[in-house]
Amino acid sequence: VSLNVTLFVLTAGVLIIILYAYFGQAARAQTADRIYLEAHQRIDMALVRGRCGLWDWDMVRGKMYWSRSMYDMLGYEPCDTMLSFGEVDGIIHPEDGDLFQLANRIVAREIDHIDQVFRMRHADGQWVWMRARAQVIDPEAPEIQLIGIAVDVTEQRHLALRSEAADLRLRTAIENINESFVLWDSSQRLIMCNSKYQQDNGLSDRDVMPGASRAVLENRMLAFASERRLANTNGQQGGVTFERQLADGRWLQVNELRTRDGGTVSVGSDITQIKLHQEKLVDSERRLMATIHDLSLARRAEEERSRELVELNHKYMKETERAEAANRAKSEF
């Protein structure tokens, strides 16, 4: 009886220990699952806020795992099953690359990472620009697995397109103005110029590459026939103004202003007609002064002749009176 009691007690103790260990392990497993779930939720929240999603691509099986944020970005209902190669390839824009060709290159081990921008079709039919970056986990493993992240760059893409369009409009406007235009950065390196500036200074397309030094460029310019700095009533903040006569005889008035970032913008206006008009005015003034001088000389000559006539008349009157007096004296005699 004592042996049976002892065996029962030992068995009961072992069972209690096993049950304690089981429930302890279950509690630790629940805690670990809760921690994992919380971490997964935090990651999903961070991915959603960051407009990006995780990709896990099993190249051998042709299956792909997407994070919940990836579905949210494209407006699809999340699912726990992995996506097939065809499902993903079906929503990629055909003009932005071939997913099948990319997979073949990865399987052939020609590349071990990707960094591409492409469009994916949203659930509402619109196209979303995505930038995908992924890396093969182990290039030496027999089963290739690619893992990476995809970021929604639609807003940046549209901003870049708007910026590009605005830049094109600005460049077109600068190119079509009648004045020569050039913009230098704070280091006096070329940012942009128009063809009028090239023509006025005899510069080729190779000379005016962005980043060219101003000092080097000015050494390559055609020599000016003359240059004169004009006084600026606005002081140094008003910039600098020059009058330049080019080798072909044309005149330019060049206004240089400092930009807020320390650069320089220069605009050259053709004032050849103004200078020609000024020369005509000066020539007309010269001729007018010569005419006035000639008239003054003629007037003085006329006055001199008038005086001579007066004197001659006076002498004539005296001679007449003398002759009359002589005649009267002869008559009386």
Protein backbone atom coordinates (compact mmCIF):
# COMPACT_ATOMS: atom_id res chain seq x y z
CA VAL A 1 0.00 0.00 0.00
CA SER A 2 2.79 2.40 0.89
CA LEU A 3 4.43 1.68 -2.49
CA ASN A 4 1.22 2.49 -4.33
CA VAL A 5 0.85 5.72 -2.39
CA THR A 6 4.41 6.64 -3.15
CA LEU A 7 3.96 5.95 -6.88
CA PHE A 8 0.73 7.93 -6.88
CA VAL A 9 2.37 10.88 -5.19
CA LEU A 10 5.33 10.79 -7.59
CA THR A 11 3.04 10.50 -10.61
CA ALA A 12 0.87 13.34 -9.35
CA GLY A 13 3.96 15.48 -8.75
CA VAL A 14 5.29 14.80 -12.24
CA LEU A 15 1.91 15.62 -13.74
CA ILE A 16 1.72 18.84 -11.74
CA ILE A 17 5.20 19.83 -12.93
CA ILE A 18 4.30 18.98 -16.54
CA LEU A 19 1.05 20.94 -16.30
CA TYR A 20 2.85 23.88 -14.72
CA ALA A 21 5.47 23.81 -17.45
CA TYR A 22 2.78 23.53 -20.13
CA PHE A 23 0.73 26.44 -18.86
CA GLY A 24 3.90 28.45 -18.29
CA GLN A 25 5.02 27.78 -21.85
CA ALA A 26 1.52 28.59 -23.12
CA ALA A 27 1.59 31.87 -21.21
CA ARG A 28 5.02 32.71 -22.61
CA ALA A 29 3.81 31.76 -26.09
CA GLN A 30 0.79 34.03 -25.71
CA THR A 31 3.03 36.83 -24.49
CA ALA A 32 5.39 36.29 -27.43
CA ASP A 33 2.45 36.20 -29.83
CA ARG A 34 1.09 39.41 -28.33
CA ILE A 35 4.49 41.09 -28.59
CA TYR A 36 4.84 39.86 -32.18
CA LEU A 37 1.33 41.07 -33.04
CA GLU A 38 1.97 44.48 -31.48
CA ALA A 39 5.29 44.78 -33.30
CA HIS A 40 3.63 43.71 -36.55
CA GLN A 41 0.87 46.28 -36.05
CA ARG A 42 3.43 49.00 -35.35
CA ILE A 43 5.36 48.06 -38.48
CA ASP A 44 2.14 48.06 -40.52
CA MET A 45 1.18 51.45 -39.10
CA ALA A 46 4.63 52.85 -39.88
CA LEU A 47 4.45 51.45 -43.41
CA VAL A 48 0.97 52.89 -43.96
CA ARG A 49 2.04 56.32 -42.67
CA GLY A 50 5.14 56.17 -44.81
CA ARG A 51 3.18 55.18 -47.93
CA CYS A 52 5.30 52.08 -48.46
CA GLY A 53 4.84 48.33 -48.41
CA LEU A 54 6.89 45.16 -47.95
CA TRP A 55 7.46 42.61 -50.71
CA ASP A 56 8.64 39.04 -50.17
CA TRP A 57 9.05 37.24 -53.48
CA ASP A 58 9.60 33.48 -53.60
CA MET A 59 11.23 33.19 -57.02
CA VAL A 60 11.08 29.38 -57.18
CA ARG A 61 7.36 29.06 -56.43
CA GLY A 62 6.43 32.28 -58.21
CA LYS A 63 4.57 33.56 -55.14
CA MET A 64 4.71 36.99 -53.56
CA TYR A 65 3.80 38.21 -50.09
CA TRP A 66 2.54 41.77 -49.62
CA SER A 67 2.23 43.61 -46.35
CA ARG A 68 -1.14 45.08 -45.43
CA SER A 69 0.13 48.57 -46.27
CA MET A 70 0.83 47.45 -49.83
CA TYR A 71 -2.80 46.51 -50.32
CA ASP A 72 -3.91 49.79 -48.74
CA MET A 73 -1.75 51.84 -51.12
CA LEU A 74 -3.38 50.20 -54.12
CA GLY A 75 -6.90 50.12 -52.70
CA TYR A 76 -7.25 46.32 -52.66
CA GLU A 77 -8.68 44.18 -49.87
CA PRO A 78 -5.86 42.56 -47.86
CA CYS A 79 -5.64 38.78 -48.00
CA ASP A 80 -3.63 36.25 -46.03
CA THR A 81 -2.74 34.16 -49.07
CA MET A 82 0.30 34.85 -51.19
CA LEU A 83 -0.17 36.44 -54.60
CA SER A 84 0.76 34.67 -57.79
CA PHE A 85 3.24 36.04 -60.30
CA GLY A 86 0.47 36.62 -62.84
CA GLU A 87 -1.69 38.60 -60.40
CA VAL A 88 1.12 41.06 -59.71
CA ASP A 89 2.25 41.28 -63.33
CA GLY A 90 -1.33 42.00 -64.38
CA ILE A 91 -1.49 45.33 -62.53
CA ILE A 92 1.93 46.62 -63.61
CA HIS A 93 1.87 49.11 -66.49
CA PRO A 94 3.12 47.38 -69.67
CA GLU A 95 5.27 50.38 -70.65
CA ASP A 96 7.26 50.31 -67.42
CA GLY A 97 9.07 47.02 -67.81
CA ASP A 98 8.52 43.28 -67.96
CA LEU A 99 8.25 41.54 -64.59
CA PHE A 100 8.83 38.15 -66.21
CA GLN A 101 12.08 39.32 -67.81
CA LEU A 102 13.19 40.78 -64.49
CA ALA A 103 12.47 37.47 -62.74
CA ASN A 104 14.49 35.58 -65.34
CA ARG A 105 17.49 37.83 -64.78
CA ILE A 106 17.29 37.28 -61.04
CA VAL A 107 16.94 33.51 -61.42
CA ALA A 108 19.87 33.50 -63.86
CA ARG A 109 21.80 35.38 -61.14
CA GLU A 110 22.60 38.24 -63.49
CA ILE A 111 21.46 40.66 -60.78
CA ASP A 112 20.93 40.27 -57.06
CA HIS A 113 18.96 43.46 -56.40
CA ILE A 114 16.44 45.75 -58.08
CA ASP A 115 15.76 49.49 -57.89
CA GLN A 116 13.05 50.45 -60.35
CA VAL A 117 10.22 52.95 -60.76
CA PHE A 118 7.02 51.73 -62.38
CA ARG A 119 3.26 52.21 -62.36
CA MET A 120 0.74 49.88 -60.74
CA ARG A 121 -2.99 49.99 -61.29
CA HIS A 122 -5.04 51.17 -58.33
CA ALA A 123 -8.37 49.52 -57.53
CA ASP A 124 -10.15 52.64 -58.86
CA GLY A 125 -8.37 52.30 -62.22
CA GLN A 126 -5.81 55.06 -61.74
CA TRP A 127 -2.07 54.48 -61.98
CA VAL A 128 0.14 54.76 -58.91
CA TRP A 129 3.85 55.39 -59.31
CA MET A 130 5.90 52.99 -57.17
CA ARG A 131 9.61 52.75 -56.50
CA ALA A 132 10.65 49.22 -55.59
CA ARG A 133 13.94 48.34 -53.95
CA ALA A 134 14.68 44.71 -53.16
CA GLN A 135 17.63 42.43 -52.47
CA VAL A 136 18.18 38.69 -52.80
CA ILE A 137 18.44 37.34 -49.24
CA ASP A 138 21.11 34.72 -49.99
CA PRO A 139 22.60 34.77 -53.51
CA GLU A 140 24.22 31.37 -52.87
CA ALA A 141 21.02 29.62 -51.76
CA PRO A 142 19.43 27.18 -54.24
CA GLU A 143 15.99 28.73 -53.67
CA ILE A 144 16.15 32.43 -54.48
CA GLN A 145 14.06 34.71 -52.33
CA LEU A 146 13.79 38.45 -52.91
CA ILE A 147 12.71 40.81 -50.16
CA GLY A 148 12.34 44.55 -50.30
CA ILE A 149 10.14 47.59 -50.03
CA ALA A 150 7.93 49.56 -52.44
CA VAL A 151 7.29 53.27 -51.89
CA ASP A 152 4.46 55.36 -53.35
CA VAL A 153 6.22 58.16 -55.27
CA THR A 154 3.17 59.41 -57.17
CA GLU A 155 3.20 62.81 -55.47
CA GLN A 156 6.95 63.24 -56.00
CA ARG A 157 6.54 62.15 -59.63
CA HIS A 158 3.76 64.64 -60.28
CA LEU A 159 5.76 67.35 -58.51
CA ALA A 160 8.79 66.53 -60.64
CA LEU A 161 6.66 66.68 -63.80
CA ARG A 162 5.17 70.03 -62.77
CA SER A 163 8.63 71.33 -61.93
CA GLU A 164 9.94 70.08 -65.27
CA ALA A 165 7.05 71.75 -67.11
CA ALA A 166 7.61 75.02 -65.23
CA ASP A 167 11.33 74.85 -65.96
CA LEU A 168 10.60 74.24 -69.64
CA ARG A 169 8.23 77.21 -69.78
CA LEU A 170 10.82 79.40 -68.07
CA ARG A 171 13.59 78.30 -70.43
CA THR A 172 11.33 78.83 -73.44
CA ALA A 173 10.45 82.33 -72.25
CA ILE A 174 14.10 83.20 -71.64
CA GLU A 175 15.07 81.80 -75.04
CA ASN A 176 12.42 83.84 -76.85
CA ILE A 177 13.15 87.25 -75.32
CA ASN A 178 15.04 89.81 -77.41
CA GLU A 179 17.63 90.42 -74.68
CA SER A 180 20.65 88.29 -73.93
CA PHE A 181 20.28 86.48 -70.60
CA VAL A 182 22.75 84.64 -68.38
CA LEU A 183 22.52 83.34 -64.81
CA TRP A 184 25.53 82.56 -62.61
CA ASP A 185 25.51 80.82 -59.22
CA SER A 186 27.20 82.10 -56.06
CA SER A 187 30.48 80.50 -57.21
CA GLN A 188 30.23 82.35 -60.54
CA ARG A 189 29.54 79.19 -62.49
CA LEU A 190 27.06 79.07 -65.33
CA ILE A 191 23.52 77.91 -64.58
CA MET A 192 21.81 78.83 -67.82
CA CYS A 193 21.85 81.29 -70.72
CA ASN A 194 19.95 81.85 -73.95
CA SER A 195 21.16 81.67 -77.54
CA LYS A 196 21.12 85.49 -77.81
CA TYR A 197 23.84 85.60 -75.17
CA GLN A 198 25.85 83.07 -77.16
CA GLN A 199 25.46 85.04 -80.39
CA ASP A 200 26.40 88.37 -78.82
CA ASN A 201 29.56 86.91 -77.28
CA GLY A 202 30.56 84.40 -79.96
CA LEU A 203 30.20 81.31 -77.74
CA SER A 204 29.48 77.78 -78.93
CA ASP A 205 27.15 75.22 -77.35
CA ARG A 206 30.16 73.41 -75.87
CA ASP A 207 31.31 76.63 -74.20
CA VAL A 208 28.05 77.21 -72.34
CA MET A 209 27.68 73.87 -70.60
CA PRO A 210 26.16 74.26 -67.09
CA GLY A 211 28.89 74.58 -64.47
CA ALA A 212 31.34 76.41 -66.73
CA SER A 213 33.45 79.00 -64.92
CA ARG A 214 32.62 82.63 -65.66
CA ALA A 215 36.29 83.58 -65.84
CA VAL A 216 36.98 80.87 -68.42
CA LEU A 217 33.90 81.82 -70.42
CA GLU A 218 34.78 85.52 -70.49
CA ASN A 219 38.22 84.66 -71.85
CA ARG A 220 36.55 82.88 -74.77
CA MET A 221 34.23 85.77 -75.60
CA LEU A 222 34.79 88.04 -78.57
CA ALA A 223 36.67 91.20 -77.56
CA PHE A 224 34.53 94.31 -77.07
CA ALA A 225 35.22 97.35 -79.21
CA SER A 226 34.60 99.49 -76.13
CA GLU A 227 33.08 99.22 -72.67
CA ARG A 228 31.94 101.89 -70.25
CA ARG A 229 30.51 101.51 -66.78
CA LEU A 230 27.52 103.73 -66.12
CA ALA A 231 26.72 105.40 -62.83
CA ASN A 232 23.95 103.69 -60.85
CA THR A 233 21.73 105.95 -58.78
CA ASN A 234 20.52 103.02 -56.65
CA GLY A 235 23.96 102.20 -55.23
CA GLN A 236 25.48 98.74 -55.02
CA GLN A 237 22.11 97.11 -54.37
CA GLY A 238 20.93 98.43 -57.71
CA GLY A 239 23.51 96.30 -59.51
CA VAL A 240 26.00 97.28 -62.17
CA THR A 241 25.31 98.71 -65.62
CA PHE A 242 27.67 98.66 -68.61
CA GLU A 243 27.55 100.02 -72.13
CA ARG A 244 29.41 97.75 -74.52
CA GLN A 245 30.12 98.09 -78.20
CA LEU A 246 30.53 94.70 -79.82
CA ALA A 247 33.02 93.86 -82.52
CA ASP A 248 30.28 94.01 -85.17
CA GLY A 249 29.41 97.57 -84.19
CA ARG A 250 26.26 96.85 -82.19
CA TRP A 251 25.74 98.40 -78.77
CA LEU A 252 24.51 96.59 -75.65
CA GLN A 253 23.42 97.91 -72.28
CA VAL A 254 24.18 95.15 -69.76
CA ASN A 255 22.49 95.20 -66.34
CA GLU A 256 23.86 92.85 -63.67
CA LEU A 257 21.96 92.17 -60.45
CA ARG A 258 22.77 90.02 -57.43
CA THR A 259 20.31 87.26 -56.52
CA ARG A 260 19.33 86.38 -52.96
CA ASP A 261 21.51 83.27 -52.94
CA GLY A 262 24.60 85.24 -53.97
CA GLY A 263 24.40 84.52 -57.68
CA THR A 264 24.34 87.01 -60.54
CA VAL A 265 21.79 87.57 -63.29
CA SER A 266 22.81 89.57 -66.34
CA VAL A 267 20.51 90.98 -69.03
CA GLY A 268 21.86 92.67 -72.14
CA SER A 269 19.59 94.94 -74.20
CA ASP A 270 20.43 95.99 -77.75
CA ILE A 271 20.62 99.80 -77.74
CA THR A 272 22.15 100.17 -81.20
CA GLN A 273 19.19 102.15 -82.54
CA ILE A 274 19.25 104.39 -79.47
CA LYS A 275 22.96 105.04 -79.95
CA LEU A 276 22.42 105.76 -83.67
CA HIS A 277 19.60 108.13 -82.76
CA GLN A 278 21.86 109.82 -80.22
CA GLU A 279 24.57 110.18 -82.85
CA LYS A 280 22.03 111.71 -85.22
CA LEU A 281 20.92 114.11 -82.50
CA VAL A 282 24.54 115.06 -81.78
CA ASP A 283 25.20 115.52 -85.50
CA SER A 284 22.03 117.60 -85.85
CA GLU A 285 23.07 119.68 -82.87
CA ARG A 286 26.51 120.14 -84.40
CA ARG A 287 25.03 121.25 -87.71
CA LEU A 288 22.61 123.54 -85.90
CA MET A 289 25.43 125.15 -83.95
CA ALA A 290 27.42 125.56 -87.18
CA THR A 291 24.39 127.20 -88.82
CA ILE A 292 23.95 129.51 -85.85
CA HIS A 293 27.63 130.40 -86.02
CA ASP A 294 27.36 131.10 -89.76
CA LEU A 295 24.30 133.24 -89.16
CA SER A 296 26.14 135.13 -86.43
CA LEU A 297 29.03 135.78 -88.80
CA ALA A 298 26.61 136.86 -91.54
CA ARG A 299 24.84 139.15 -89.10
CA ARG A 300 28.09 140.73 -88.00
CA ALA A 301 29.10 141.15 -91.66
CA GLU A 302 25.72 142.74 -92.40
CA GLU A 303 26.09 145.06 -89.45
CA GLU A 304 29.56 145.96 -90.69
CA ARG A 305 28.21 146.73 -94.16
CA SER A 306 25.42 148.78 -92.62
CA ARG A 307 27.94 150.83 -90.68
CA GLU A 308 30.00 151.32 -93.84
CA LEU A 309 26.91 152.46 -95.72
CA VAL A 310 26.04 154.87 -92.93
CA GLU A 311 29.56 156.26 -93.00
CA LEU A 312 29.51 156.53 -96.79
CA ASN A 313 26.13 158.24 -96.63
CA HIS A 314 27.45 160.60 -93.98
CA LYS A 315 30.50 161.41 -96.14
CA TYR A 316 28.25 161.84 -99.18
CA MET A 317 26.05 164.30 -97.29
CA LYS A 318 29.09 166.25 -96.21
CA GLU A 319 30.42 166.39 -99.76
CA THR A 320 27.00 167.41 -101.00
CA GLU A 321 26.78 170.20 -98.46
CA ARG A 322 30.30 171.30 -99.33
CA ALA A 323 29.45 171.36 -103.05
CA GLU A 324 26.26 173.30 -102.41
CA ALA A 325 28.16 175.78 -100.28
CA ALA A 326 30.73 176.22 -103.03
CA ASN A 327 27.97 176.77 -105.60
CA ARG A 328 26.30 179.39 -103.42
CA ALA A 329 29.59 181.15 -102.89
CA LYS A 330 30.24 181.19 -106.62
CA SER A 331 26.77 182.55 -107.33
CA GLU A 332 27.12 185.35 -104.80
CA PHE A 333 30.46 186.24 -106.21
